[in-house]
Amino acid sequence: MKNYRQRLRKEVLTAYAVGGVIACRCCGEDEEKFLAMDHVNNDGAAHRKRPEHGTGNGFYIWLKRNGWPPGFQILCHNCNFAKSAHGVCPHRVLKDTG
């Protein structure tokens, strides 16, 4: 089961990689252990409430079964948390202000 979960996670990350690069869309972190899937429109809480969407592996299975739908991106856990808690990651604020 552990091998299946690892393969599924790798498949999800590969599907949402940009230009074939598996990395955080905000800061560029590429250590896969630090990466998570993010709901681009900040609708993760509502999405998780629907039982057919699942969480964890169930979420990954849903993404795969639905043909890798848009509205998701790879973020590292730090950027994902900052986006959730503050509405924007500090990396984005720094990039936007130059």
N, C-alpha and C. Protein backbone atom coordinates (compact mmCIF):
# COMPACT_ATOMS: atom_id res chain seq x y z
N MET A 1 0.83 -1.19 0.00
CA MET A 1 0.00 0.00 0.00
C MET A 1 0.88 1.27 0.00
N LYS A 2 1.96 1.23 0.76
CA LYS A 2 2.86 2.37 0.82
C LYS A 2 3.43 2.68 -0.57
N ASN A 3 3.82 1.65 -1.30
CA ASN A 3 4.35 1.85 -2.65
C ASN A 3 3.29 2.46 -3.57
N TYR A 4 2.05 2.00 -3.44
CA TYR A 4 0.96 2.55 -4.24
C TYR A 4 0.78 4.03 -3.95
N ARG A 5 0.76 4.40 -2.68
CA ARG A 5 0.59 5.80 -2.30
C ARG A 5 1.73 6.66 -2.84
N GLN A 6 2.94 6.16 -2.77
CA GLN A 6 4.09 6.90 -3.28
C GLN A 6 4.01 7.07 -4.80
N ARG A 7 3.61 6.03 -5.51
CA ARG A 7 3.47 6.13 -6.97
C ARG A 7 2.35 7.10 -7.35
N LEU A 8 1.24 7.03 -6.62
CA LEU A 8 0.11 7.91 -6.90
C LEU A 8 0.50 9.37 -6.66
N ARG A 9 1.17 9.63 -5.56
CA ARG A 9 1.62 10.99 -5.24
C ARG A 9 2.55 11.51 -6.33
N LYS A 10 3.49 10.68 -6.76
CA LYS A 10 4.43 11.07 -7.82
C LYS A 10 3.67 11.36 -9.12
N GLU A 11 2.66 10.56 -9.41
CA GLU A 11 1.85 10.77 -10.61
C GLU A 11 1.11 12.11 -10.54
N VAL A 12 0.57 12.45 -9.38
CA VAL A 12 -0.12 13.72 -9.20
C VAL A 12 0.85 14.89 -9.36
N LEU A 13 1.98 14.81 -8.70
CA LEU A 13 2.97 15.89 -8.81
C LEU A 13 3.44 16.06 -10.24
N THR A 14 3.65 14.97 -10.93
CA THR A 14 4.07 15.02 -12.33
C THR A 14 3.00 15.67 -13.19
N ALA A 15 1.75 15.32 -12.93
CA ALA A 15 0.64 15.87 -13.72
C ALA A 15 0.51 17.39 -13.55
N TYR A 16 0.83 17.89 -12.37
CA TYR A 16 0.69 19.32 -12.10
C TYR A 16 2.03 20.08 -12.15
N ALA A 17 3.08 19.39 -12.56
CA ALA A 17 4.38 20.05 -12.73
C ALA A 17 4.30 21.04 -13.89
N VAL A 18 5.02 22.11 -13.79
CA VAL A 18 5.05 23.12 -14.85
C VAL A 18 6.36 22.94 -15.61
N GLY A 19 6.23 22.72 -16.90
CA GLY A 19 7.41 22.52 -17.72
C GLY A 19 8.21 21.29 -17.33
N GLY A 20 7.51 20.30 -16.76
CA GLY A 20 8.17 19.08 -16.35
C GLY A 20 8.94 19.19 -15.05
N VAL A 21 8.86 20.35 -14.39
CA VAL A 21 9.59 20.57 -13.14
C VAL A 21 8.63 20.46 -11.96
N ILE A 22 8.89 19.52 -11.09
CA ILE A 22 8.09 19.34 -9.88
C ILE A 22 8.67 20.25 -8.82
N ALA A 23 7.98 21.36 -8.57
CA ALA A 23 8.48 22.35 -7.61
C ALA A 23 7.33 23.26 -7.19
N CYS A 24 7.53 23.93 -6.07
CA CYS A 24 6.57 24.91 -5.57
C CYS A 24 6.43 26.04 -6.58
N ARG A 25 5.20 26.38 -6.92
CA ARG A 25 4.93 27.46 -7.89
C ARG A 25 5.28 28.83 -7.32
N CYS A 26 5.46 28.92 -6.03
CA CYS A 26 5.75 30.21 -5.40
C CYS A 26 7.25 30.41 -5.20
N CYS A 27 7.88 29.51 -4.45
CA CYS A 27 9.28 29.72 -4.07
C CYS A 27 10.26 28.83 -4.82
N GLY A 28 9.76 27.83 -5.53
CA GLY A 28 10.64 26.95 -6.30
C GLY A 28 11.19 25.76 -5.53
N GLU A 29 10.77 25.58 -4.28
CA GLU A 29 11.22 24.41 -3.51
C GLU A 29 10.95 23.15 -4.31
N ASP A 30 11.95 22.27 -4.42
CA ASP A 30 11.76 21.06 -5.23
C ASP A 30 11.92 19.76 -4.46
N GLU A 31 12.09 19.83 -3.15
CA GLU A 31 12.14 18.60 -2.35
C GLU A 31 10.71 18.07 -2.25
N GLU A 32 10.46 16.93 -2.88
CA GLU A 32 9.09 16.41 -2.97
C GLU A 32 8.44 16.17 -1.62
N LYS A 33 9.23 15.87 -0.60
CA LYS A 33 8.66 15.65 0.74
C LYS A 33 8.03 16.92 1.30
N PHE A 34 8.42 18.08 0.78
CA PHE A 34 7.92 19.36 1.28
C PHE A 34 6.76 19.89 0.45
N LEU A 35 6.35 19.18 -0.59
CA LEU A 35 5.36 19.71 -1.52
C LEU A 35 3.95 19.21 -1.23
N ALA A 36 2.97 20.05 -1.56
CA ALA A 36 1.56 19.74 -1.34
C ALA A 36 0.75 20.26 -2.53
N MET A 37 -0.44 19.76 -2.67
CA MET A 37 -1.35 20.28 -3.69
C MET A 37 -2.16 21.42 -3.08
N ASP A 38 -2.32 22.47 -3.85
CA ASP A 38 -3.03 23.67 -3.41
C ASP A 38 -4.23 23.92 -4.31
N HIS A 39 -5.31 24.35 -3.71
CA HIS A 39 -6.49 24.80 -4.44
C HIS A 39 -6.24 26.26 -4.81
N VAL A 40 -6.04 26.54 -6.08
CA VAL A 40 -5.66 27.87 -6.56
C VAL A 40 -6.65 28.93 -6.09
N ASN A 41 -7.95 28.61 -6.11
CA ASN A 41 -8.99 29.60 -5.76
C ASN A 41 -9.34 29.60 -4.28
N ASN A 42 -8.49 29.02 -3.46
CA ASN A 42 -8.69 29.00 -2.00
C ASN A 42 -10.01 28.36 -1.60
N ASP A 43 -10.46 27.37 -2.36
CA ASP A 43 -11.72 26.69 -2.04
C ASP A 43 -11.50 25.27 -1.52
N GLY A 44 -10.35 25.04 -0.92
CA GLY A 44 -10.03 23.71 -0.41
C GLY A 44 -10.97 23.22 0.67
N ALA A 45 -11.36 24.10 1.58
CA ALA A 45 -12.25 23.69 2.66
C ALA A 45 -13.58 23.20 2.11
N ALA A 46 -14.15 23.95 1.18
CA ALA A 46 -15.42 23.55 0.57
C ALA A 46 -15.25 22.26 -0.23
N HIS A 47 -14.13 22.14 -0.91
CA HIS A 47 -13.84 20.96 -1.72
C HIS A 47 -13.75 19.72 -0.84
N ARG A 48 -13.08 19.83 0.30
CA ARG A 48 -12.90 18.68 1.20
C ARG A 48 -14.20 18.24 1.84
N LYS A 49 -15.19 19.13 1.94
CA LYS A 49 -16.47 18.77 2.55
C LYS A 49 -17.28 17.82 1.69
N ARG A 50 -16.98 17.77 0.41
CA ARG A 50 -17.70 16.88 -0.49
C ARG A 50 -17.06 15.50 -0.42
N PRO A 51 -17.77 14.49 0.07
CA PRO A 51 -17.16 13.18 0.30
C PRO A 51 -16.55 12.54 -0.95
N GLU A 52 -17.09 12.84 -2.12
CA GLU A 52 -16.53 12.23 -3.34
C GLU A 52 -15.16 12.79 -3.69
N HIS A 53 -14.79 13.94 -3.13
CA HIS A 53 -13.48 14.53 -3.42
C HIS A 53 -12.38 13.93 -2.56
N GLY A 54 -12.72 13.53 -1.37
CA GLY A 54 -11.75 12.88 -0.50
C GLY A 54 -10.64 13.81 0.00
N THR A 55 -9.80 13.23 0.83
CA THR A 55 -8.62 13.90 1.33
C THR A 55 -7.46 12.94 1.19
N GLY A 56 -6.25 13.43 1.24
CA GLY A 56 -5.08 12.57 1.13
C GLY A 56 -5.11 11.78 -0.17
N ASN A 57 -4.96 10.47 -0.05
CA ASN A 57 -4.96 9.61 -1.24
C ASN A 57 -6.29 9.67 -1.98
N GLY A 58 -7.38 9.82 -1.25
CA GLY A 58 -8.68 9.94 -1.89
C GLY A 58 -8.74 11.17 -2.80
N PHE A 59 -8.12 12.25 -2.38
CA PHE A 59 -8.04 13.46 -3.19
C PHE A 59 -7.20 13.20 -4.44
N TYR A 60 -6.08 12.53 -4.27
CA TYR A 60 -5.22 12.20 -5.41
C TYR A 60 -5.97 11.32 -6.41
N ILE A 61 -6.71 10.36 -5.91
CA ILE A 61 -7.49 9.48 -6.79
C ILE A 61 -8.54 10.29 -7.52
N TRP A 62 -9.20 11.21 -6.82
CA TRP A 62 -10.20 12.07 -7.46
C TRP A 62 -9.58 12.89 -8.58
N LEU A 63 -8.40 13.49 -8.32
CA LEU A 63 -7.72 14.27 -9.36
C LEU A 63 -7.47 13.41 -10.60
N LYS A 64 -6.95 12.22 -10.37
CA LYS A 64 -6.63 11.32 -11.48
C LYS A 64 -7.89 10.91 -12.25
N ARG A 65 -8.92 10.49 -11.53
CA ARG A 65 -10.16 10.05 -12.17
C ARG A 65 -10.84 11.16 -12.96
N ASN A 66 -10.58 12.40 -12.57
CA ASN A 66 -11.21 13.53 -13.24
C ASN A 66 -10.28 14.19 -14.26
N GLY A 67 -9.25 13.47 -14.65
CA GLY A 67 -8.39 13.93 -15.74
C GLY A 67 -7.53 15.13 -15.42
N TRP A 68 -7.08 15.23 -14.18
CA TRP A 68 -6.21 16.31 -13.74
C TRP A 68 -6.85 17.68 -14.01
N PRO A 69 -7.96 17.96 -13.33
CA PRO A 69 -8.68 19.21 -13.60
C PRO A 69 -7.85 20.45 -13.24
N PRO A 70 -8.17 21.57 -13.89
CA PRO A 70 -7.48 22.82 -13.55
C PRO A 70 -7.93 23.30 -12.17
N GLY A 71 -7.26 24.30 -11.66
CA GLY A 71 -7.62 24.87 -10.36
C GLY A 71 -6.76 24.36 -9.23
N PHE A 72 -5.70 23.63 -9.57
CA PHE A 72 -4.80 23.08 -8.56
C PHE A 72 -3.37 23.39 -8.97
N GLN A 73 -2.51 23.51 -7.97
CA GLN A 73 -1.09 23.75 -8.25
C GLN A 73 -0.26 23.13 -7.13
N ILE A 74 1.01 23.01 -7.39
CA ILE A 74 1.95 22.51 -6.38
C ILE A 74 2.50 23.70 -5.61
N LEU A 75 2.39 23.62 -4.29
CA LEU A 75 3.05 24.57 -3.40
C LEU A 75 3.79 23.78 -2.33
N CYS A 76 4.84 24.37 -1.77
CA CYS A 76 5.47 23.73 -0.62
C CYS A 76 4.55 23.97 0.58
N HIS A 77 4.76 23.21 1.63
CA HIS A 77 3.89 23.35 2.80
C HIS A 77 3.95 24.76 3.39
N ASN A 78 5.13 25.39 3.38
CA ASN A 78 5.25 26.75 3.93
C ASN A 78 4.42 27.74 3.12
N CYS A 79 4.57 27.73 1.81
CA CYS A 79 3.83 28.67 0.96
C CYS A 79 2.33 28.38 1.03
N ASN A 80 1.96 27.10 1.07
CA ASN A 80 0.56 26.71 1.16
C ASN A 80 -0.05 27.23 2.47
N PHE A 81 0.66 27.05 3.57
CA PHE A 81 0.16 27.54 4.85
C PHE A 81 0.05 29.06 4.86
N ALA A 82 1.08 29.75 4.36
CA ALA A 82 1.06 31.21 4.35
C ALA A 82 -0.10 31.72 3.50
N LYS A 83 -0.32 31.10 2.36
CA LYS A 83 -1.43 31.50 1.49
C LYS A 83 -2.76 31.32 2.22
N SER A 84 -2.89 30.21 2.92
CA SER A 84 -4.12 29.93 3.65
C SER A 84 -4.32 30.90 4.82
N ALA A 85 -3.27 31.14 5.57
CA ALA A 85 -3.38 31.96 6.78
C ALA A 85 -3.43 33.45 6.50
N HIS A 86 -2.75 33.90 5.44
CA HIS A 86 -2.60 35.33 5.20
C HIS A 86 -3.17 35.80 3.86
N GLY A 87 -3.69 34.86 3.08
CA GLY A 87 -4.26 35.23 1.79
C GLY A 87 -3.25 35.31 0.67
N VAL A 88 -2.01 35.46 1.03
CA VAL A 88 -0.92 35.50 0.05
C VAL A 88 0.37 35.09 0.76
N CYS A 89 1.23 34.41 0.03
CA CYS A 89 2.51 34.01 0.61
C CYS A 89 3.46 35.20 0.60
N PRO A 90 4.27 35.38 1.63
CA PRO A 90 5.24 36.48 1.64
C PRO A 90 6.17 36.47 0.42
N HIS A 91 6.45 35.30 -0.13
CA HIS A 91 7.28 35.26 -1.35
C HIS A 91 6.62 36.04 -2.47
N ARG A 92 5.32 35.91 -2.61
CA ARG A 92 4.59 36.63 -3.67
C ARG A 92 4.64 38.13 -3.43
N VAL A 93 4.49 38.53 -2.17
CA VAL A 93 4.54 39.96 -1.85
C VAL A 93 5.92 40.51 -2.23
N LEU A 94 6.97 39.78 -1.90
CA LEU A 94 8.32 40.22 -2.22
C LEU A 94 8.54 40.28 -3.73
N LYS A 95 8.04 39.27 -4.46
CA LYS A 95 8.19 39.24 -5.92
C LYS A 95 7.43 40.40 -6.56
N ASP A 96 6.24 40.68 -6.04
CA ASP A 96 5.40 41.72 -6.62
C ASP A 96 5.94 43.12 -6.38
N THR A 97 6.69 43.30 -5.28
CA THR A 97 7.22 44.62 -4.97
C THR A 97 8.63 44.80 -5.52
N GLY A 98 9.19 43.73 -6.07
CA GLY A 98 10.46 43.82 -6.75
C GLY A 98 11.61 43.86 -5.84
